[in-house]
PDB file of N, CA and C in Angstrom:
ATOM      1  N   MET A   1       0.844  -1.181   0.000  1.00  0.00           N
ATOM      2  CA  MET A   1       0.000   0.000   0.000  1.00  0.00           C
ATOM      3  C   MET A   1       0.884   1.236   0.000  1.00  0.00           C
ATOM      4  N   VAL A   2       0.413   2.263  -0.687  1.00  0.00           N
ATOM      5  CA  VAL A   2       1.113   3.541  -0.713  1.00  0.00           C
ATOM      6  C   VAL A   2       0.123   4.647  -0.361  1.00  0.00           C
ATOM      7  N   ALA A   3       0.620   5.723   0.207  1.00  0.00           N
ATOM      8  CA  ALA A   3      -0.234   6.857   0.554  1.00  0.00           C
ATOM      9  C   ALA A   3      -0.469   7.716  -0.681  1.00  0.00           C
ATOM     10  N   VAL A   4      -1.677   8.198  -0.830  1.00  0.00           N
ATOM     11  CA  VAL A   4      -2.007   9.117  -1.930  1.00  0.00           C
ATOM     12  C   VAL A   4      -2.380  10.466  -1.327  1.00  0.00           C
ATOM     13  N   PRO A   5      -2.283  11.519  -2.113  1.00  0.00           N
ATOM     14  CA  PRO A   5      -2.645  12.837  -1.569  1.00  0.00           C
ATOM     15  C   PRO A   5      -4.141  12.907  -1.268  1.00  0.00           C
ATOM     16  N   ALA A   6      -4.500  13.821  -0.379  1.00  0.00           N
ATOM     17  CA  ALA A   6      -5.910  14.021  -0.041  1.00  0.00           C
ATOM     18  C   ALA A   6      -6.681  14.463  -1.282  1.00  0.00           C
ATOM     19  N   LEU A   7      -7.889  13.958  -1.425  1.00  0.00           N
ATOM     20  CA  LEU A   7      -8.744  14.314  -2.561  1.00  0.00           C
ATOM     21  C   LEU A   7      -9.872  15.210  -2.062  1.00  0.00           C
ATOM     22  N   ASP A   8     -10.304  16.141  -2.908  1.00  0.00           N
ATOM     23  CA  ASP A   8     -11.368  17.063  -2.552  1.00  0.00           C
ATOM     24  C   ASP A   8     -12.731  16.482  -2.897  1.00  0.00           C
ATOM     25  N   ALA A   9     -13.673  16.616  -1.985  1.00  0.00           N
ATOM     26  CA  ALA A   9     -15.040  16.152  -2.216  1.00  0.00           C
ATOM     27  C   ALA A   9     -15.652  16.878  -3.406  1.00  0.00           C
ATOM     28  N   GLY A  10     -16.425  16.170  -4.199  1.00  0.00           N
ATOM     29  CA  GLY A  10     -17.134  16.776  -5.320  1.00  0.00           C
ATOM     30  C   GLY A  10     -16.285  17.006  -6.556  1.00  0.00           C
ATOM     31  N   VAL A  11     -15.014  16.630  -6.523  1.00  0.00           N
ATOM     32  CA  VAL A  11     -14.118  16.810  -7.663  1.00  0.00           C
ATOM     33  C   VAL A  11     -13.962  15.481  -8.390  1.00  0.00           C
ATOM     34  N   THR A  12     -14.080  15.490  -9.710  1.00  0.00           N
ATOM     35  CA  THR A  12     -13.844  14.302 -10.519  1.00  0.00           C
ATOM     36  C   THR A  12     -12.367  14.262 -10.877  1.00  0.00           C
ATOM     37  N   TYR A  13     -11.746  13.111 -10.691  1.00  0.00           N
ATOM     38  CA  TYR A  13     -10.316  12.953 -10.949  1.00  0.00           C
ATOM     39  C   TYR A  13     -10.076  11.982 -12.097  1.00  0.00           C
ATOM     40  N   ALA A  14      -8.966  12.192 -12.783  1.00  0.00           N
ATOM     41  CA  ALA A  14      -8.479  11.257 -13.792  1.00  0.00           C
ATOM     42  C   ALA A  14      -7.290  10.514 -13.183  1.00  0.00           C
ATOM     43  N   VAL A  15      -7.101   9.272 -13.599  1.00  0.00           N
ATOM     44  CA  VAL A  15      -6.003   8.453 -13.081  1.00  0.00           C
ATOM     45  C   VAL A  15      -5.332   7.743 -14.245  1.00  0.00           C
ATOM     46  N   ARG A  16      -4.015   7.708 -14.237  1.00  0.00           N
ATOM     47  CA  ARG A  16      -3.252   6.900 -15.191  1.00  0.00           C
ATOM     48  C   ARG A  16      -2.403   5.956 -14.356  1.00  0.00           C
ATOM     49  N   PHE A  17      -2.442   4.677 -14.726  1.00  0.00           N
ATOM     50  CA  PHE A  17      -1.700   3.651 -13.987  1.00  0.00           C
ATOM     51  C   PHE A  17      -0.747   2.946 -14.933  1.00  0.00           C
ATOM     52  N   ARG A  18       0.476   2.706 -14.473  1.00  0.00           N
ATOM     53  CA  ARG A  18       1.477   2.017 -15.290  1.00  0.00           C
ATOM     54  C   ARG A  18       2.002   0.816 -14.514  1.00  0.00           C
ATOM     55  N   CYS A  19       2.145  -0.300 -15.211  1.00  0.00           N
ATOM     56  CA  CYS A  19       2.638  -1.538 -14.632  1.00  0.00           C
ATOM     57  C   CYS A  19       3.669  -2.104 -15.602  1.00  0.00           C
ATOM     58  N   GLU A  20       4.934  -2.182 -15.185  1.00  0.00           N
ATOM     59  CA  GLU A  20       5.999  -2.665 -16.064  1.00  0.00           C
ATOM     60  C   GLU A  20       6.788  -3.768 -15.376  1.00  0.00           C
ATOM     61  N   GLN A  21       6.738  -4.965 -15.962  1.00  0.00           N
ATOM     62  CA  GLN A  21       7.508  -6.079 -15.423  1.00  0.00           C
ATOM     63  C   GLN A  21       8.909  -6.079 -15.998  1.00  0.00           C
ATOM     64  N   ALA A  22       9.878  -6.392 -15.137  1.00  0.00           N
ATOM     65  CA  ALA A  22      11.276  -6.515 -15.555  1.00  0.00           C
ATOM     66  C   ALA A  22      11.927  -7.571 -14.673  1.00  0.00           C
ATOM     67  N   GLY A  23      12.077  -8.761 -15.204  1.00  0.00           N
ATOM     68  CA  GLY A  23      12.703  -9.827 -14.433  1.00  0.00           C
ATOM     69  C   GLY A  23      11.874 -10.224 -13.233  1.00  0.00           C
ATOM     70  N   ALA A  24      12.448 -10.100 -12.045  1.00  0.00           N
ATOM     71  CA  ALA A  24      11.802 -10.554 -10.821  1.00  0.00           C
ATOM     72  C   ALA A  24      11.052  -9.446 -10.076  1.00  0.00           C
ATOM     73  N   SER A  25      10.744  -8.346 -10.762  1.00  0.00           N
ATOM     74  CA  SER A  25       9.990  -7.284 -10.092  1.00  0.00           C
ATOM     75  C   SER A  25       9.073  -6.575 -11.087  1.00  0.00           C
ATOM     76  N   THR A  26       8.078  -5.910 -10.527  1.00  0.00           N
ATOM     77  CA  THR A  26       7.139  -5.128 -11.328  1.00  0.00           C
ATOM     78  C   THR A  26       7.091  -3.719 -10.763  1.00  0.00           C
ATOM     79  N   ALA A  27       7.352  -2.735 -11.611  1.00  0.00           N
ATOM     80  CA  ALA A  27       7.270  -1.326 -11.210  1.00  0.00           C
ATOM     81  C   ALA A  27       5.831  -0.857 -11.431  1.00  0.00           C
ATOM     82  N   LEU A  28       5.243  -0.272 -10.418  1.00  0.00           N
ATOM     83  CA  LEU A  28       3.874   0.236 -10.463  1.00  0.00           C
ATOM     84  C   LEU A  28       3.910   1.737 -10.213  1.00  0.00           C
ATOM     85  N   ALA A  29       3.139   2.489 -10.981  1.00  0.00           N
ATOM     86  CA  ALA A  29       3.102   3.942 -10.816  1.00  0.00           C
ATOM     87  C   ALA A  29       1.713   4.451 -11.166  1.00  0.00           C
ATOM     88  N   ALA A  30       1.288   5.512 -10.520  1.00  0.00           N
ATOM     89  CA  ALA A  30      -0.015   6.112 -10.811  1.00  0.00           C
ATOM     90  C   ALA A  30       0.077   7.627 -10.725  1.00  0.00           C
ATOM     91  N   ARG A  31      -0.695   8.270 -11.595  1.00  0.00           N
ATOM     92  CA  ARG A  31      -0.880   9.729 -11.547  1.00  0.00           C
ATOM     93  C   ARG A  31      -2.349   9.972 -11.272  1.00  0.00           C
ATOM     94  N   ILE A  32      -2.657  10.985 -10.490  1.00  0.00           N
ATOM     95  CA  ILE A  32      -4.043  11.378 -10.255  1.00  0.00           C
ATOM     96  C   ILE A  32      -4.107  12.899 -10.304  1.00  0.00           C
ATOM     97  N   TRP A  33      -5.114  13.413 -11.006  1.00  0.00           N
ATOM     98  CA  TRP A  33      -5.246  14.855 -11.165  1.00  0.00           C
ATOM     99  C   TRP A  33      -6.707  15.190 -11.437  1.00  0.00           C
ATOM    100  N   PRO A  34      -7.126  16.430 -11.172  1.00  0.00           N
ATOM    101  CA  PRO A  34      -8.509  16.823 -11.457  1.00  0.00           C
ATOM    102  C   PRO A  34      -8.805  16.670 -12.948  1.00  0.00           C
ATOM    103  N   ALA A  35      -9.904  15.994 -13.268  1.00  0.00           N
ATOM    104  CA  ALA A  35     -10.302  15.803 -14.667  1.00  0.00           C
ATOM    105  C   ALA A  35     -10.448  17.169 -15.334  1.00  0.00           C
ATOM    106  N   GLY A  36      -9.976  17.278 -16.549  1.00  0.00           N
ATOM    107  CA  GLY A  36     -10.037  18.535 -17.284  1.00  0.00           C
ATOM    108  C   GLY A  36      -8.784  19.372 -17.145  1.00  0.00           C
ATOM    109  N   ALA A  37      -7.993  19.099 -16.117  1.00  0.00           N
ATOM    110  CA  ALA A  37      -6.718  19.804 -15.946  1.00  0.00           C
ATOM    111  C   ALA A  37      -5.641  19.040 -16.723  1.00  0.00           C
ATOM    112  N   PRO A  38      -4.528  19.674 -17.021  1.00  0.00           N
ATOM    113  CA  PRO A  38      -3.449  18.965 -17.719  1.00  0.00           C
ATOM    114  C   PRO A  38      -2.910  17.804 -16.872  1.00  0.00           C
ATOM    115  N   GLU A  39      -2.562  16.722 -17.534  1.00  0.00           N
ATOM    116  CA  GLU A  39      -1.979  15.580 -16.836  1.00  0.00           C
ATOM    117  C   GLU A  39      -0.583  15.953 -16.330  1.00  0.00           C
ATOM    118  N   PRO A  40      -0.297  15.666 -15.067  1.00  0.00           N
ATOM    119  CA  PRO A  40       1.034  15.999 -14.551  1.00  0.00           C
ATOM    120  C   PRO A  40       2.116  15.123 -15.191  1.00  0.00           C
ATOM    121  N   ALA A  41       3.320  15.645 -15.272  1.00  0.00           N
ATOM    122  CA  ALA A  41       4.431  14.898 -15.861  1.00  0.00           C
ATOM    123  C   ALA A  41       4.974  13.849 -14.891  1.00  0.00           C
ATOM    124  N   GLU A  42       4.930  14.150 -13.610  1.00  0.00           N
ATOM    125  CA  GLU A  42       5.484  13.247 -12.596  1.00  0.00           C
ATOM    126  C   GLU A  42       4.422  12.264 -12.111  1.00  0.00           C
ATOM    127  N   TRP A  43       4.848  11.078 -11.692  1.00  0.00           N
ATOM    128  CA  TRP A  43       3.951  10.091 -11.111  1.00  0.00           C
ATOM    129  C   TRP A  43       3.625  10.511  -9.683  1.00  0.00           C
ATOM    130  N   THR A  44       2.357  10.379  -9.287  1.00  0.00           N
ATOM    131  CA  THR A  44       1.920  10.758  -7.942  1.00  0.00           C
ATOM    132  C   THR A  44       2.430   9.754  -6.912  1.00  0.00           C
ATOM    133  N   VAL A  45       2.345   8.471  -7.225  1.00  0.00           N
ATOM    134  CA  VAL A  45       2.819   7.412  -6.332  1.00  0.00           C
ATOM    135  C   VAL A  45       3.545   6.351  -7.156  1.00  0.00           C
ATOM    136  N   THR A  46       4.546   5.735  -6.555  1.00  0.00           N
ATOM    137  CA  THR A  46       5.266   4.639  -7.203  1.00  0.00           C
ATOM    138  C   THR A  46       5.610   3.583  -6.153  1.00  0.00           C
ATOM    139  N   THR A  47       5.720   2.344  -6.602  1.00  0.00           N
ATOM    140  CA  THR A  47       6.158   1.259  -5.731  1.00  0.00           C
ATOM    141  C   THR A  47       6.651   0.112  -6.602  1.00  0.00           C
ATOM    142  N   THR A  48       7.276  -0.863  -5.990  1.00  0.00           N
ATOM    143  CA  THR A  48       7.757  -2.041  -6.701  1.00  0.00           C
ATOM    144  C   THR A  48       7.217  -3.282  -6.013  1.00  0.00           C
ATOM    145  N   ASP A  49       6.731  -4.243  -6.809  1.00  0.00           N
ATOM    146  CA  ASP A  49       6.222  -5.506  -6.287  1.00  0.00           C
ATOM    147  C   ASP A  49       7.174  -6.620  -6.693  1.00  0.00           C
ATOM    148  N   THR A  50       7.578  -7.424  -5.732  1.00  0.00           N
ATOM    149  CA  THR A  50       8.481  -8.545  -6.015  1.00  0.00           C
ATOM    150  C   THR A  50       7.852  -9.887  -5.629  1.00  0.00           C
ATOM    151  N   THR A  51       6.528  -9.932  -5.512  1.00  0.00           N
ATOM    152  CA  THR A  51       5.840 -11.180  -5.179  1.00  0.00           C
ATOM    153  C   THR A  51       6.185 -12.233  -6.227  1.00  0.00           C
ATOM    154  N   PRO A  52       6.874 -13.314  -5.848  1.00  0.00           N
ATOM    155  CA  PRO A  52       7.349 -14.286  -6.842  1.00  0.00           C
ATOM    156  C   PRO A  52       6.255 -14.840  -7.765  1.00  0.00           C
ATOM    157  N   GLY A  53       5.091 -15.173  -7.227  1.00  0.00           N
ATOM    158  CA  GLY A  53       4.023 -15.757  -8.037  1.00  0.00           C
ATOM    159  C   GLY A  53       3.388 -14.813  -9.036  1.00  0.00           C
ATOM    160  N   LEU A  54       3.710 -13.517  -8.955  1.00  0.00           N
ATOM    161  CA  LEU A  54       3.130 -12.526  -9.865  1.00  0.00           C
ATOM    162  C   LEU A  54       4.117 -12.050 -10.920  1.00  0.00           C
ATOM    163  N   GLN A  55       5.315 -12.590 -10.938  1.00  0.00           N
ATOM    164  CA  GLN A  55       6.342 -12.115 -11.864  1.00  0.00           C
ATOM    165  C   GLN A  55       6.424 -13.034 -13.089  1.00  0.00           C
ATOM    166  N   ALA A  56       6.595 -12.415 -14.254  1.00  0.00           N
ATOM    167  CA  ALA A  56       6.801 -13.128 -15.519  1.00  0.00           C
ATOM    168  C   ALA A  56       5.691 -14.115 -15.818  1.00  0.00           C
ATOM    169  N   VAL A  57       4.443 -13.740 -15.522  1.00  0.00           N
ATOM    170  CA  VAL A  57       3.301 -14.581 -15.864  1.00  0.00           C
ATOM    171  C   VAL A  57       2.353 -13.774 -16.750  1.00  0.00           C
ATOM    172  N   SER A  58       1.692 -14.452 -17.654  1.00  0.00           N
ATOM    173  CA  SER A  58       0.713 -13.764 -18.491  1.00  0.00           C
ATOM    174  C   SER A  58      -0.654 -13.903 -17.845  1.00  0.00           C
ATOM    175  N   GLY A  59      -1.575 -13.074 -18.257  1.00  0.00           N
ATOM    176  CA  GLY A  59      -2.908 -13.140 -17.671  1.00  0.00           C
ATOM    177  C   GLY A  59      -3.793 -12.048 -18.215  1.00  0.00           C
ATOM    178  N   GLY A  60      -4.841 -11.769 -17.504  1.00  0.00           N
ATOM    179  CA  GLY A  60      -5.805 -10.773 -17.925  1.00  0.00           C
ATOM    180  C   GLY A  60      -5.627  -9.471 -17.186  1.00  0.00           C
ATOM    181  N   VAL A  61      -6.586  -8.597 -17.381  1.00  0.00           N
ATOM    182  CA  VAL A  61      -6.588  -7.293 -16.732  1.00  0.00           C
ATOM    183  C   VAL A  61      -7.854  -7.204 -15.892  1.00  0.00           C
ATOM    184  N   ALA A  62      -7.713  -6.744 -14.669  1.00  0.00           N
ATOM    185  CA  ALA A  62      -8.860  -6.547 -13.783  1.00  0.00           C
ATOM    186  C   ALA A  62      -8.749  -5.168 -13.158  1.00  0.00           C
ATOM    187  N   VAL A  63      -9.873  -4.560 -12.876  1.00  0.00           N
ATOM    188  CA  VAL A  63      -9.904  -3.270 -12.194  1.00  0.00           C
ATOM    189  C   VAL A  63     -10.623  -3.480 -10.871  1.00  0.00           C
ATOM    190  N   ASP A  64      -9.957  -3.144  -9.785  1.00  0.00           N
ATOM    191  CA  ASP A  64     -10.522  -3.274  -8.453  1.00  0.00           C
ATOM    192  C   ASP A  64     -10.398  -1.905  -7.788  1.00  0.00           C
ATOM    193  N   ALA A  65     -11.505  -1.347  -7.360  1.00  0.00           N
ATOM    194  CA  ALA A  65     -11.482  -0.014  -6.754  1.00  0.00           C
ATOM    195  C   ALA A  65     -12.352  -0.012  -5.512  1.00  0.00           C
ATOM    196  N   TRP A  66     -11.981   0.809  -4.546  1.00  0.00           N
ATOM    197  CA  TRP A  66     -12.770   0.932  -3.340  1.00  0.00           C
ATOM    198  C   TRP A  66     -12.630   2.336  -2.798  1.00  0.00           C
ATOM    199  N   ASN A  67     -13.580   2.688  -1.957  1.00  0.00           N
ATOM    200  CA  ASN A  67     -13.571   3.985  -1.307  1.00  0.00           C
ATOM    201  C   ASN A  67     -13.248   3.745   0.160  1.00  0.00           C
ATOM    202  N   THR A  68     -12.331   4.489   0.707  1.00  0.00           N
ATOM    203  CA  THR A  68     -11.891   4.244   2.080  1.00  0.00           C
ATOM    204  C   THR A  68     -12.694   4.986   3.138  1.00  0.00           C
ATOM    205  N   VAL A  69     -13.831   5.563   2.760  1.00  0.00           N
ATOM    206  CA  VAL A  69     -14.670   6.219   3.758  1.00  0.00           C
ATOM    207  C   VAL A  69     -15.241   5.142   4.685  1.00  0.00           C
ATOM    208  N   THR A  70     -15.088   5.318   5.980  1.00  0.00           N
ATOM    209  CA  THR A  70     -15.598   4.376   6.962  1.00  0.00           C
ATOM    210  C   THR A  70     -16.981   4.827   7.414  1.00  0.00           C
ATOM    211  N   PRO A  71     -17.995   3.942   7.364  1.00  0.00           N
ATOM    212  CA  PRO A  71     -19.343   4.341   7.808  1.00  0.00           C
ATOM    213  C   PRO A  71     -19.295   4.962   9.201  1.00  0.00           C
ATOM    214  N   GLY A  72     -20.005   6.058   9.352  1.00  0.00           N
ATOM    215  CA  GLY A  72     -20.037   6.766  10.626  1.00  0.00           C
ATOM    216  C   GLY A  72     -18.936   7.804  10.784  1.00  0.00           C
ATOM    217  N   ASN A  73     -17.983   7.841   9.861  1.00  0.00           N
ATOM    218  CA  ASN A  73     -16.877   8.798   9.955  1.00  0.00           C
ATOM    219  C   ASN A  73     -16.877   9.760   8.772  1.00  0.00           C
ATOM    220  N   GLY A  74     -18.023  10.250   8.417  1.00  0.00           N
ATOM    221  CA  GLY A  74     -18.097  11.177   7.293  1.00  0.00           C
ATOM    222  C   GLY A  74     -19.244  10.801   6.381  1.00  0.00           C
ATOM    223  N   GLY A  75     -19.241  11.363   5.215  1.00  0.00           N
ATOM    224  CA  GLY A  75     -20.309  11.114   4.255  1.00  0.00           C
ATOM    225  C   GLY A  75     -20.250   9.709   3.663  1.00  0.00           C
ATOM    226  N   ALA A  76     -21.244   9.415   2.889  1.00  0.00           N
ATOM    227  CA  ALA A  76     -21.300   8.119   2.205  1.00  0.00           C
ATOM    228  C   ALA A  76     -20.217   8.070   1.132  1.00  0.00           C
ATOM    229  N   PRO A  77     -19.688   6.872   0.848  1.00  0.00           N
ATOM    230  CA  PRO A  77     -18.686   6.757  -0.217  1.00  0.00           C
ATOM    231  C   PRO A  77     -19.241   7.260  -1.542  1.00  0.00           C
ATOM    232  N   GLY A  78     -18.409   7.943  -2.299  1.00  0.00           N
ATOM    233  CA  GLY A  78     -18.811   8.429  -3.609  1.00  0.00           C
ATOM    234  C   GLY A  78     -18.690   7.342  -4.650  1.00  0.00           C
ATOM    235  N   PRO A  79     -19.321   7.521  -5.784  1.00  0.00           N
ATOM    236  CA  PRO A  79     -19.236   6.513  -6.848  1.00  0.00           C
ATOM    237  C   PRO A  79     -17.845   6.491  -7.482  1.00  0.00           C
ATOM    238  N   ILE A  80     -17.471   5.344  -7.990  1.00  0.00           N
ATOM    239  CA  ILE A  80     -16.225   5.185  -8.725  1.00  0.00           C
ATOM    240  C   ILE A  80     -16.599   4.675 -10.113  1.00  0.00           C
ATOM    241  N   HIS A  81     -16.182   5.401 -11.148  1.00  0.00           N
ATOM    242  CA  HIS A  81     -16.491   5.026 -12.532  1.00  0.00           C
ATOM    243  C   HIS A  81     -15.186   4.743 -13.265  1.00  0.00           C
ATOM    244  N   VAL A  82     -15.179   3.715 -14.094  1.00  0.00           N
ATOM    245  CA  VAL A  82     -14.013   3.392 -14.910  1.00  0.00           C
ATOM    246  C   VAL A  82     -14.444   3.435 -16.361  1.00  0.00           C
ATOM    247  N   ASP A  83     -13.707   4.209 -17.173  1.00  0.00           N
ATOM    248  CA  ASP A  83     -13.963   4.213 -18.616  1.00  0.00           C
ATOM    249  C   ASP A  83     -12.650   4.491 -19.336  1.00  0.00           C
ATOM    250  N   ASP A  84     -12.676   4.394 -20.637  1.00  0.00           N
ATOM    251  CA  ASP A  84     -11.484   4.646 -21.452  1.00  0.00           C
ATOM    252  C   ASP A  84     -10.294   3.797 -21.025  1.00  0.00           C
ATOM    253  N   LEU A  85     -10.551   2.542 -20.673  1.00  0.00           N
ATOM    254  CA  LEU A  85      -9.488   1.633 -20.273  1.00  0.00           C
ATOM    255  C   LEU A  85      -8.698   1.209 -21.504  1.00  0.00           C
ATOM    256  N   VAL A  86      -7.393   1.436 -21.481  1.00  0.00           N
ATOM    257  CA  VAL A  86      -6.517   1.074 -22.585  1.00  0.00           C
ATOM    258  C   VAL A  86      -5.372   0.228 -22.041  1.00  0.00           C
ATOM    259  N   VAL A  87      -5.124  -0.922 -22.654  1.00  0.00           N
ATOM    260  CA  VAL A  87      -4.033  -1.797 -22.234  1.00  0.00           C
ATOM    261  C   VAL A  87      -3.091  -1.943 -23.411  1.00  0.00           C
ATOM    262  N   THR A  88      -1.802  -1.678 -23.170  1.00  0.00           N
ATOM    263  CA  THR A  88      -0.809  -1.801 -24.239  1.00  0.00           C
ATOM    264  C   THR A  88       0.332  -2.695 -23.773  1.00  0.00           C
ATOM    265  N   SER A  89       1.019  -3.273 -24.721  1.00  0.00           N
ATOM    266  CA  SER A  89       2.171  -4.114 -24.425  1.00  0.00           C
ATOM    267  C   SER A  89       3.393  -3.479 -25.062  1.00  0.00           C
ATOM    268  N   ARG A  90       4.499  -3.500 -24.365  1.00  0.00           N
ATOM    269  CA  ARG A  90       5.736  -2.925 -24.906  1.00  0.00           C
ATOM    270  C   ARG A  90       6.662  -4.018 -25.332  1.00  0.00           C
TER     271      ARG A  90
END
């Protein structure tokens, strides 16, 4: 898990995620910015995964998203929408 910056209520955000395998590790990176604003050049968060069973294997693509609002500690979780999903191979 990595920490992400605080998000503002009522703002729609765009996200770009990158996953690159190289040998025994996978580099993961994400950018998040207000939709309609220019995409930032720098990655917002980065990490590396070295889980042996997840390296150098082929498979599909899945999107898993959740809202971390805890019931009773603020408003109801907002909706999460996924569109314009593009998967490329290098």
